[in-house]
Amino acid sequence: MPTISRFLGIIIAMYWNGHSPLHFHAKYGEYKITVDINTGVV
């Protein structure tokens, strides 16, 4: 998965041609979330 940004140990990544809805992934240590870009819902 392509990394968009790294800061304070947080990795933000996104597939450019991924499935809908548009979203990105964030990872911090063992924690992982997916965030919907249109709504901001985690």
N, C-alpha and C. Protein backbone atom coordinates (compact mmCIF):
# COMPACT_ATOMS: atom_id res chain seq x y z
N MET A 1 0.85 -1.17 0.00
CA MET A 1 0.00 0.00 0.00
C MET A 1 0.89 1.23 0.00
N PRO A 2 0.71 2.15 -0.94
CA PRO A 2 1.55 3.35 -1.03
C PRO A 2 1.38 4.26 0.19
N THR A 3 2.49 4.68 0.76
CA THR A 3 2.47 5.58 1.91
C THR A 3 2.36 7.01 1.45
N ILE A 4 1.42 7.75 2.04
CA ILE A 4 1.23 9.17 1.72
C ILE A 4 2.04 10.03 2.67
N SER A 5 2.04 9.67 3.96
CA SER A 5 2.71 10.48 4.96
C SER A 5 3.13 9.62 6.15
N ARG A 6 4.17 10.07 6.84
CA ARG A 6 4.62 9.46 8.09
C ARG A 6 4.95 10.59 9.05
N PHE A 7 4.37 10.55 10.26
CA PHE A 7 4.67 11.56 11.26
C PHE A 7 4.36 11.01 12.65
N LEU A 8 5.20 11.28 13.60
CA LEU A 8 5.03 10.86 14.99
C LEU A 8 4.70 9.37 15.12
N GLY A 9 5.24 8.56 14.22
CA GLY A 9 5.01 7.12 14.26
C GLY A 9 3.72 6.67 13.59
N ILE A 10 2.96 7.62 13.03
CA ILE A 10 1.70 7.31 12.33
C ILE A 10 1.99 7.20 10.84
N ILE A 11 1.47 6.16 10.21
CA ILE A 11 1.64 5.96 8.78
C ILE A 11 0.28 6.11 8.11
N ILE A 12 0.18 7.01 7.13
CA ILE A 12 -1.04 7.23 6.36
C ILE A 12 -0.81 6.64 4.97
N ALA A 13 -1.71 5.76 4.53
CA ALA A 13 -1.54 5.09 3.24
C ALA A 13 -2.88 5.00 2.51
N MET A 14 -2.79 4.89 1.17
CA MET A 14 -4.01 4.84 0.36
C MET A 14 -3.71 4.19 -0.98
N TYR A 15 -4.64 3.35 -1.43
CA TYR A 15 -4.58 2.83 -2.80
C TYR A 15 -5.26 3.85 -3.71
N TRP A 16 -4.62 4.24 -4.78
CA TRP A 16 -5.18 5.26 -5.68
C TRP A 16 -6.35 4.71 -6.48
N ASN A 17 -6.34 3.43 -6.81
CA ASN A 17 -7.42 2.83 -7.58
C ASN A 17 -8.16 1.78 -6.75
N GLY A 18 -8.35 2.08 -5.48
CA GLY A 18 -9.01 1.14 -4.58
C GLY A 18 -10.52 1.09 -4.79
N HIS A 19 -11.18 0.31 -3.99
CA HIS A 19 -12.62 0.14 -4.08
C HIS A 19 -13.34 1.32 -3.42
N SER A 20 -14.61 1.49 -3.74
CA SER A 20 -15.43 2.56 -3.14
C SER A 20 -15.91 2.11 -1.77
N PRO A 21 -16.20 3.00 -0.86
CA PRO A 21 -16.04 4.44 -0.93
C PRO A 21 -14.56 4.83 -0.79
N LEU A 22 -14.23 6.04 -1.24
CA LEU A 22 -12.84 6.50 -1.12
C LEU A 22 -12.45 6.56 0.35
N HIS A 23 -11.28 6.03 0.66
CA HIS A 23 -10.84 5.97 2.05
C HIS A 23 -9.32 5.91 2.12
N PHE A 24 -8.79 6.16 3.31
CA PHE A 24 -7.36 5.96 3.54
C PHE A 24 -7.18 5.17 4.83
N HIS A 25 -6.01 4.62 5.01
CA HIS A 25 -5.69 3.80 6.17
C HIS A 25 -4.65 4.53 7.01
N ALA A 26 -4.77 4.42 8.32
CA ALA A 26 -3.78 4.97 9.24
C ALA A 26 -3.36 3.85 10.18
N LYS A 27 -2.06 3.80 10.46
CA LYS A 27 -1.52 2.77 11.34
C LYS A 27 -0.58 3.42 12.35
N TYR A 28 -0.73 3.02 13.61
CA TYR A 28 0.15 3.48 14.67
C TYR A 28 0.44 2.29 15.56
N GLY A 29 1.63 1.73 15.45
CA GLY A 29 1.97 0.54 16.21
C GLY A 29 1.04 -0.60 15.84
N GLU A 30 0.32 -1.13 16.82
CA GLU A 30 -0.60 -2.25 16.56
C GLU A 30 -2.00 -1.76 16.18
N TYR A 31 -2.24 -0.45 16.21
CA TYR A 31 -3.57 0.10 15.91
C TYR A 31 -3.71 0.42 14.43
N LYS A 32 -4.88 0.12 13.87
CA LYS A 32 -5.16 0.40 12.46
C LYS A 32 -6.58 0.94 12.33
N ILE A 33 -6.76 1.96 11.49
CA ILE A 33 -8.09 2.47 11.21
C ILE A 33 -8.24 2.72 9.71
N THR A 34 -9.48 2.79 9.28
CA THR A 34 -9.81 3.19 7.91
C THR A 34 -10.73 4.40 8.02
N VAL A 35 -10.45 5.46 7.25
CA VAL A 35 -11.23 6.68 7.31
C VAL A 35 -11.86 6.97 5.96
N ASP A 36 -13.19 7.13 5.93
CA ASP A 36 -13.92 7.49 4.72
C ASP A 36 -13.61 8.95 4.40
N ILE A 37 -13.12 9.25 3.22
CA ILE A 37 -12.72 10.60 2.85
C ILE A 37 -13.92 11.54 2.74
N ASN A 38 -15.04 11.06 2.24
CA ASN A 38 -16.21 11.92 2.04
C ASN A 38 -16.88 12.31 3.35
N THR A 39 -16.94 11.40 4.31
CA THR A 39 -17.68 11.67 5.55
C THR A 39 -16.79 11.87 6.77
N GLY A 40 -15.56 11.37 6.71
CA GLY A 40 -14.68 11.42 7.86
C GLY A 40 -14.94 10.32 8.88
N VAL A 41 -15.85 9.40 8.56
CA VAL A 41 -16.19 8.32 9.46
C VAL A 41 -15.03 7.33 9.56
N VAL A 42 -14.69 6.99 10.80
CA VAL A 42 -13.61 6.05 11.06
C VAL A 42 -14.16 4.65 11.11
